């Protein structure tokens, strides 16, 4: 056995642990901020990502587990760990990073301090928290960002918006119907054709 074989096997095993599923049985609740055509296309044809992205996803999972451990130590039994949120008989699913009381906890890691959001969370993360609050019946969310390079933490509060929650539910219904019919819905982002979601 040499260094190349050890590296190859270690990376292969890490890819298996990254949490990415190329073919999904359920629509990912956390992606409802994206274009419904793209999500439907990936449900029908698979979502293939680069090997490097799989490694970054693994690191993000490690950070989330680490933060969950620190939340447990800091808040004791008030913090409960990840839970699965489902809707539409399991055809829509998302996993929380936990809760403190009735407040949803979501965790994101970024490569360095420059990646920490300044002023507000990115739009896709906002939609993710709104969809989890809508289907999980949470009144509020705290979104925790941590820099992988420095360990700096930034937090944001989000309150549940009935309007955005209703839009998440409508988009989920649109995607699920399109997958069932195996027909792509209209593009909402204006970029699907150039990215091959046709």
Protein backbone atom coordinates (compact mmCIF):
# COMPACT_ATOMS: atom_id res chain seq x y z
CA UNK A 1 0.00 0.00 0.00
CA UNK A 2 1.35 3.42 -0.93
CA UNK A 3 0.45 7.06 -0.30
CA UNK A 4 -1.63 7.34 -3.48
CA UNK A 5 -3.82 4.35 -2.57
CA UNK A 6 -4.32 5.61 1.00
CA UNK A 7 -5.31 9.06 -0.33
CA UNK A 8 -7.70 7.57 -2.89
CA UNK A 9 -9.44 5.36 -0.35
CA UNK A 10 -9.61 8.12 2.27
CA UNK A 11 -11.14 10.59 -0.20
CA UNK A 12 -13.57 7.93 -1.47
CA UNK A 13 -14.75 7.23 2.06
CA UNK A 14 -15.05 10.96 2.82
CA UNK A 15 -17.24 11.41 -0.29
CA UNK A 16 -19.62 8.77 1.08
CA UNK A 17 -19.91 10.72 4.35
CA UNK A 18 -20.58 14.14 2.78
CA UNK A 19 -24.37 13.70 2.79
CA UNK A 20 -24.91 14.45 -0.90
CA UNK A 21 -27.43 12.32 -2.76
CA UNK A 22 -27.19 12.42 -6.53
CA UNK A 23 -30.70 11.03 -6.94
CA UNK A 24 -33.23 12.21 -4.38
CA UNK A 25 -36.50 10.61 -3.44
CA UNK A 26 -37.75 13.79 -1.76
CA UNK A 27 -37.49 17.46 -2.60
CA UNK A 28 -34.98 19.15 -0.29
CA UNK A 29 -36.85 21.72 1.79
CA UNK A 30 -33.68 23.76 2.14
CA UNK A 31 -33.56 24.46 -1.60
CA UNK A 32 -36.99 26.06 -2.04
CA UNK A 33 -35.32 29.45 -2.62
CA UNK A 34 -33.91 28.13 -5.89
CA UNK A 35 -35.55 28.00 -9.31
CA UNK A 36 -38.26 25.29 -9.45
CA UNK A 37 -37.14 24.24 -12.94
CA UNK A 38 -33.59 23.54 -11.71
CA UNK A 39 -34.83 21.57 -8.69
CA UNK A 40 -37.23 19.53 -10.85
CA UNK A 41 -34.52 18.84 -13.44
CA UNK A 42 -32.18 17.57 -10.71
CA UNK A 43 -34.95 15.41 -9.22
CA UNK A 44 -35.51 13.82 -12.63
CA UNK A 45 -31.90 13.59 -13.86
CA UNK A 46 -29.76 13.68 -10.73
CA UNK A 47 -27.61 16.33 -9.11
CA UNK A 48 -23.97 15.65 -9.91
CA UNK A 49 -21.38 17.72 -8.05
CA UNK A 50 -17.60 17.93 -8.16
CA UNK A 51 -15.33 15.89 -5.95
CA UNK A 52 -14.05 19.10 -4.33
CA UNK A 53 -17.60 20.16 -3.43
CA UNK A 54 -18.16 16.77 -1.78
CA UNK A 55 -15.09 17.41 0.40
CA UNK A 56 -16.38 20.88 1.34
CA UNK A 57 -19.80 19.42 2.18
CA UNK A 58 -18.08 16.94 4.48
CA UNK A 59 -16.23 19.77 6.26
CA UNK A 60 -19.52 21.66 6.64
CA UNK A 61 -21.11 18.57 8.21
CA UNK A 62 -18.18 18.27 10.62
CA UNK A 63 -18.57 21.92 11.66
CA UNK A 64 -22.32 21.50 12.18
CA UNK A 65 -21.74 18.48 14.44
CA UNK A 66 -19.10 20.43 16.37
CA UNK A 67 -21.42 23.43 16.87
CA UNK A 68 -24.22 21.08 17.96
CA UNK A 69 -21.89 19.72 20.65
CA UNK A 70 -21.04 23.22 21.83
CA UNK A 71 -24.72 24.23 21.86
CA UNK A 72 -25.49 21.13 23.94
CA UNK A 73 -22.72 22.06 26.40
CA UNK A 74 -23.79 25.73 26.56
CA UNK A 75 -27.57 25.23 26.80
CA UNK A 76 -27.90 21.74 28.27
CA UNK A 77 -31.29 20.09 27.84
CA UNK A 78 -32.80 23.32 26.44
CA UNK A 79 -31.00 22.47 23.18
CA UNK A 80 -32.25 19.45 21.28
CA UNK A 81 -30.35 18.16 18.28
CA UNK A 82 -31.25 17.72 14.63
CA UNK A 83 -34.71 16.64 13.61
CA UNK A 84 -36.27 15.65 10.32
CA UNK A 85 -39.12 17.84 9.04
CA UNK A 86 -41.32 16.33 6.34
CA UNK A 87 -44.44 17.24 4.40
CA UNK A 88 -46.54 15.83 1.56
CA UNK A 89 -46.23 12.24 2.83
CA UNK A 90 -42.42 12.46 2.98
CA UNK A 91 -41.97 13.77 -0.57
CA UNK A 92 -40.63 17.05 0.88
CA UNK A 93 -37.98 16.82 3.59
CA UNK A 94 -35.48 18.92 5.47
CA UNK A 95 -33.28 18.46 8.50
CA UNK A 96 -32.85 21.08 11.17
CA UNK A 97 -29.66 21.56 13.15
CA UNK A 98 -31.73 21.56 16.32
CA UNK A 99 -33.80 23.87 18.50
CA UNK A 100 -33.59 25.83 21.70
CA UNK A 101 -37.11 25.83 23.08
CA UNK A 102 -39.31 26.59 20.09
CA UNK A 103 -36.57 28.47 18.19
CA UNK A 104 -35.15 26.69 15.15
CA UNK A 105 -31.35 26.54 14.99
CA UNK A 106 -29.61 26.46 11.61
CA UNK A 107 -25.85 26.32 11.09
CA UNK A 108 -23.72 27.33 8.10
CA UNK A 109 -19.97 27.22 7.72
CA UNK A 110 -17.98 29.48 5.40
CA UNK A 111 -14.36 29.06 4.30
CA UNK A 112 -13.03 32.25 5.90
CA UNK A 113 -14.03 35.53 7.52
CA UNK A 114 -14.69 37.15 4.13
CA UNK A 115 -17.51 34.61 3.64
CA UNK A 116 -19.33 35.64 6.81
CA UNK A 117 -22.51 37.51 5.82
CA UNK A 118 -22.45 41.19 6.66
CA UNK A 119 -25.75 42.78 7.61
CA UNK A 120 -28.08 39.93 6.64
CA UNK A 121 -28.09 36.27 5.67
CA UNK A 122 -28.00 35.35 1.96
CA UNK A 123 -31.36 34.97 0.23
CA UNK A 124 -31.12 31.18 -0.22
CA UNK A 125 -30.43 30.73 3.49
CA UNK A 126 -33.37 32.98 4.35
CA UNK A 127 -35.67 30.84 2.17
CA UNK A 128 -34.28 27.67 3.72
CA UNK A 129 -35.05 28.88 7.23
CA UNK A 130 -38.52 30.08 6.18
CA UNK A 131 -39.38 26.69 4.64
CA UNK A 132 -38.18 24.84 7.75
CA UNK A 133 -40.14 27.21 9.99
CA UNK A 134 -43.25 26.85 7.82
CA UNK A 135 -43.33 23.07 7.66
CA UNK A 136 -41.80 22.53 11.12
CA UNK A 137 -44.12 25.07 12.79
CA UNK A 138 -41.31 27.17 14.29
CA UNK A 139 -42.04 30.84 15.14
CA UNK A 140 -38.41 31.94 14.82
CA UNK A 141 -34.93 30.86 13.78
CA UNK A 142 -31.37 31.72 14.73
CA UNK A 143 -28.95 31.19 11.87
CA UNK A 144 -25.37 30.60 13.02
CA UNK A 145 -22.42 31.16 10.68
CA UNK A 146 -18.90 30.03 11.54
CA UNK A 147 -15.68 30.74 9.66
CA UNK A 148 -13.69 27.54 9.13
CA UNK A 149 -10.41 29.47 9.11
CA UNK A 150 -10.80 31.57 12.27
CA UNK A 151 -13.76 30.11 14.17
CA UNK A 152 -15.49 33.52 14.20
CA UNK A 153 -19.24 33.27 14.66
CA UNK A 154 -21.99 35.52 13.36
CA UNK A 155 -25.69 35.03 14.15
CA UNK A 156 -28.94 36.27 12.61
CA UNK A 157 -32.53 36.18 13.86
CA UNK A 158 -35.35 35.36 11.46
CA UNK A 159 -39.03 35.47 12.34
CA UNK A 160 -41.45 33.24 10.49
CA UNK A 161 -43.20 34.98 7.59
CA UNK A 162 -46.60 33.51 6.66
CA UNK A 163 -46.28 35.05 3.19
CA UNK A 164 -42.89 33.47 2.47
CA UNK A 165 -44.02 30.21 4.06
CA UNK A 166 -47.03 30.11 1.72
CA UNK A 167 -44.72 30.78 -1.24
CA UNK A 168 -42.46 27.90 -0.12
CA UNK A 169 -45.46 25.59 0.06
CA UNK A 170 -46.72 26.69 -3.38
CA UNK A 171 -43.28 26.13 -4.90
CA UNK A 172 -43.02 22.69 -3.27
CA UNK A 173 -46.42 21.73 -4.71
CA UNK A 174 -45.34 22.97 -8.17
CA UNK A 175 -42.11 20.94 -8.07
CA UNK A 176 -43.78 17.78 -6.77
CA UNK A 177 -46.47 17.96 -9.48
CA UNK A 178 -43.83 18.56 -12.16
CA UNK A 179 -41.76 15.58 -10.96
CA UNK A 180 -44.86 13.39 -10.95
CA UNK A 181 -45.71 14.44 -14.52
CA UNK A 182 -42.01 14.34 -15.54
CA UNK A 183 -42.46 17.80 -17.05
CA UNK A 184 -40.26 20.79 -16.20
CA UNK A 185 -42.03 23.88 -14.82
CA UNK A 186 -41.23 27.35 -16.18
CA UNK A 187 -37.89 28.88 -15.27
CA UNK A 188 -38.03 31.67 -12.66
CA UNK A 189 -34.34 32.57 -12.60
CA UNK A 190 -33.68 33.25 -16.30
CA UNK A 191 -30.55 31.07 -16.24
CA UNK A 192 -31.85 27.52 -16.65
CA UNK A 193 -31.38 27.35 -20.44
CA UNK A 194 -27.74 28.43 -20.28
CA UNK A 195 -27.08 25.95 -17.45
CA UNK A 196 -28.65 23.05 -19.36
CA UNK A 197 -31.84 22.59 -17.35
CA UNK A 198 -33.92 21.99 -20.48
